[in-house]
Amino acid sequence: MKQCLKIIVTGKVQEVGYRDFVKKNAEDNFIEGTVQNLEDSSILIYACGLSDNLDNLIDCLYKGTSKSKVQDLSIEPFVNEKDFRGVFRIIGD
């Protein structure tokens, strides 16, 4: 079943290649959506895909990159009103 999640990742996740890591894992799991840095040093992810694929992505998000230190993930479902056009994008610099 397809679902959409809003995920906020906190910890040392900016400037360590984390957004590229998220994008690669999302694409590997056939998930569409976006990832972007927030001003409070956390990362915001919108992810839509099959439930099992989202579970795989969440597992990867907790592990992070070798340079990141994930403190917490805040995950909540959302009704997708965005058109991600079947791809996963990095927003921002």
C-alpha atoms as a PDB file:
ATOM      1  CA  MET A   1       0.000   0.000   0.000  1.00  0.00           C
ATOM      2  CA  LYS A   2       1.338   3.435  -0.923  1.00  0.00           C
ATOM      3  CA  GLN A   3       1.663   6.036   1.809  1.00  0.00           C
ATOM      4  CA  CYS A   4       3.330   9.384   2.372  1.00  0.00           C
ATOM      5  CA  LEU A   5       5.433  10.452   5.345  1.00  0.00           C
ATOM      6  CA  LYS A   6       6.846  13.705   6.650  1.00  0.00           C
ATOM      7  CA  ILE A   7      10.148  12.949   8.384  1.00  0.00           C
ATOM      8  CA  ILE A   8      12.321  15.357  10.354  1.00  0.00           C
ATOM      9  CA  VAL A   9      15.844  14.149  11.137  1.00  0.00           C
ATOM     10  CA  THR A  10      17.761  15.843  13.949  1.00  0.00           C
ATOM     11  CA  GLY A  11      21.398  15.563  14.952  1.00  0.00           C
ATOM     12  CA  LYS A  12      24.587  16.179  13.004  1.00  0.00           C
ATOM     13  CA  VAL A  13      23.029  15.718   9.573  1.00  0.00           C
ATOM     14  CA  GLN A  14      23.906  18.873   7.647  1.00  0.00           C
ATOM     15  CA  GLU A  15      27.148  19.279   5.687  1.00  0.00           C
ATOM     16  CA  VAL A  16      28.007  15.569   5.964  1.00  0.00           C
ATOM     17  CA  GLY A  17      26.505  14.289   2.677  1.00  0.00           C
ATOM     18  CA  TYR A  18      23.290  13.248   4.392  1.00  0.00           C
ATOM     19  CA  ARG A  19      20.912  14.694   1.758  1.00  0.00           C
ATOM     20  CA  ASP A  20      22.737  12.829  -1.029  1.00  0.00           C
ATOM     21  CA  PHE A  21      22.603   9.695   1.126  1.00  0.00           C
ATOM     22  CA  VAL A  22      18.832  10.126   1.581  1.00  0.00           C
ATOM     23  CA  LYS A  23      18.293  10.720  -2.137  1.00  0.00           C
ATOM     24  CA  LYS A  24      20.255   7.610  -3.127  1.00  0.00           C
ATOM     25  CA  ASN A  25      18.423   5.390  -0.649  1.00  0.00           C
ATOM     26  CA  ALA A  26      15.045   6.822  -1.622  1.00  0.00           C
ATOM     27  CA  GLU A  27      15.736   6.146  -5.296  1.00  0.00           C
ATOM     28  CA  ASP A  28      16.978   2.632  -4.494  1.00  0.00           C
ATOM     29  CA  ASN A  29      13.642   2.014  -2.745  1.00  0.00           C
ATOM     30  CA  PHE A  30      11.483   3.584  -5.501  1.00  0.00           C
ATOM     31  CA  ILE A  31      10.362   6.438  -3.250  1.00  0.00           C
ATOM     32  CA  GLU A  32       9.417   9.857  -4.575  1.00  0.00           C
ATOM     33  CA  GLY A  33       9.616  13.105  -2.617  1.00  0.00           C
ATOM     34  CA  THR A  34      12.053  15.736  -1.406  1.00  0.00           C
ATOM     35  CA  VAL A  35      14.799  16.354   1.134  1.00  0.00           C
ATOM     36  CA  GLN A  36      15.971  19.751   2.349  1.00  0.00           C
ATOM     37  CA  ASN A  37      17.967  21.415   5.118  1.00  0.00           C
ATOM     38  CA  LEU A  38      16.051  23.406   7.719  1.00  0.00           C
ATOM     39  CA  GLU A  39      17.361  26.488   9.501  1.00  0.00           C
ATOM     40  CA  ASP A  40      17.509  24.680  12.855  1.00  0.00           C
ATOM     41  CA  SER A  41      20.154  22.237  11.453  1.00  0.00           C
ATOM     42  CA  SER A  42      17.651  19.419  10.986  1.00  0.00           C
ATOM     43  CA  ILE A  43      16.553  17.867   7.698  1.00  0.00           C
ATOM     44  CA  LEU A  44      12.999  17.682   6.347  1.00  0.00           C
ATOM     45  CA  ILE A  45      12.001  14.752   4.141  1.00  0.00           C
ATOM     46  CA  TYR A  46       8.737  14.168   2.305  1.00  0.00           C
ATOM     47  CA  ALA A  47       8.624  10.565   1.124  1.00  0.00           C
ATOM     48  CA  CYS A  48       5.902   8.671  -0.764  1.00  0.00           C
ATOM     49  CA  GLY A  49       6.064   5.003  -1.670  1.00  0.00           C
ATOM     50  CA  LEU A  50       5.102   1.485  -0.714  1.00  0.00           C
ATOM     51  CA  SER A  51       5.022   0.834   3.037  1.00  0.00           C
ATOM     52  CA  ASP A  52       7.800  -1.788   2.952  1.00  0.00           C
ATOM     53  CA  ASN A  53      10.026   0.533   0.916  1.00  0.00           C
ATOM     54  CA  LEU A  54       9.420   3.376   3.362  1.00  0.00           C
ATOM     55  CA  ASP A  55      10.373   1.052   6.225  1.00  0.00           C
ATOM     56  CA  ASN A  56      13.646   0.288   4.408  1.00  0.00           C
ATOM     57  CA  LEU A  57      14.305   4.012   3.954  1.00  0.00           C
ATOM     58  CA  ILE A  58      13.615   4.730   7.634  1.00  0.00           C
ATOM     59  CA  ASP A  59      16.120   2.056   8.639  1.00  0.00           C
ATOM     60  CA  CYS A  60      18.727   3.753   6.417  1.00  0.00           C
ATOM     61  CA  LEU A  61      17.891   7.180   7.856  1.00  0.00           C
ATOM     62  CA  TYR A  62      18.603   5.963  11.394  1.00  0.00           C
ATOM     63  CA  LYS A  63      21.981   4.525  10.317  1.00  0.00           C
ATOM     64  CA  GLY A  64      23.010   7.681   8.452  1.00  0.00           C
ATOM     65  CA  THR A  65      26.383   8.294   6.860  1.00  0.00           C
ATOM     66  CA  SER A  66      29.769   7.637   8.425  1.00  0.00           C
ATOM     67  CA  LYS A  67      30.076  11.374   9.247  1.00  0.00           C
ATOM     68  CA  SER A  68      26.515  11.934  10.502  1.00  0.00           C
ATOM     69  CA  LYS A  69      25.139  11.428  14.005  1.00  0.00           C
ATOM     70  CA  VAL A  70      21.377  10.987  13.916  1.00  0.00           C
ATOM     71  CA  GLN A  71      19.734  11.895  17.226  1.00  0.00           C
ATOM     72  CA  ASP A  72      16.067  11.388  16.375  1.00  0.00           C
ATOM     73  CA  LEU A  73      13.514  10.919  13.623  1.00  0.00           C
ATOM     74  CA  SER A  74      10.084  12.483  13.858  1.00  0.00           C
ATOM     75  CA  ILE A  75       7.740  10.626  11.501  1.00  0.00           C
ATOM     76  CA  GLU A  76       4.138  11.464  10.711  1.00  0.00           C
ATOM     77  CA  PRO A  77       1.829  10.562   7.846  1.00  0.00           C
ATOM     78  CA  PHE A  78       0.606  13.301   5.533  1.00  0.00           C
ATOM     79  CA  VAL A  79      -1.901  13.552   2.717  1.00  0.00           C
ATOM     80  CA  ASN A  80       0.082  14.058  -0.445  1.00  0.00           C
ATOM     81  CA  GLU A  81      -1.102  17.214  -2.185  1.00  0.00           C
ATOM     82  CA  LYS A  82       2.232  17.669  -3.967  1.00  0.00           C
ATOM     83  CA  ASP A  83       3.162  16.315  -7.378  1.00  0.00           C
ATOM     84  CA  PHE A  84       6.619  14.796  -6.988  1.00  0.00           C
ATOM     85  CA  ARG A  85       6.434  13.555 -10.610  1.00  0.00           C
ATOM     86  CA  GLY A  86       7.820  10.158  -9.638  1.00  0.00           C
ATOM     87  CA  VAL A  87      11.274  11.392  -8.578  1.00  0.00           C
ATOM     88  CA  PHE A  88      13.171  12.258  -5.398  1.00  0.00           C
ATOM     89  CA  ARG A  89      14.768  15.717  -5.292  1.00  0.00           C
ATOM     90  CA  ILE A  90      17.188  17.640  -3.093  1.00  0.00           C
ATOM     91  CA  ILE A  91      15.861  21.144  -2.422  1.00  0.00           C
ATOM     92  CA  GLY A  92      18.281  23.980  -1.742  1.00  0.00           C
ATOM     93  CA  ASP A  93      21.997  24.381  -2.051  1.00  0.00           C
END
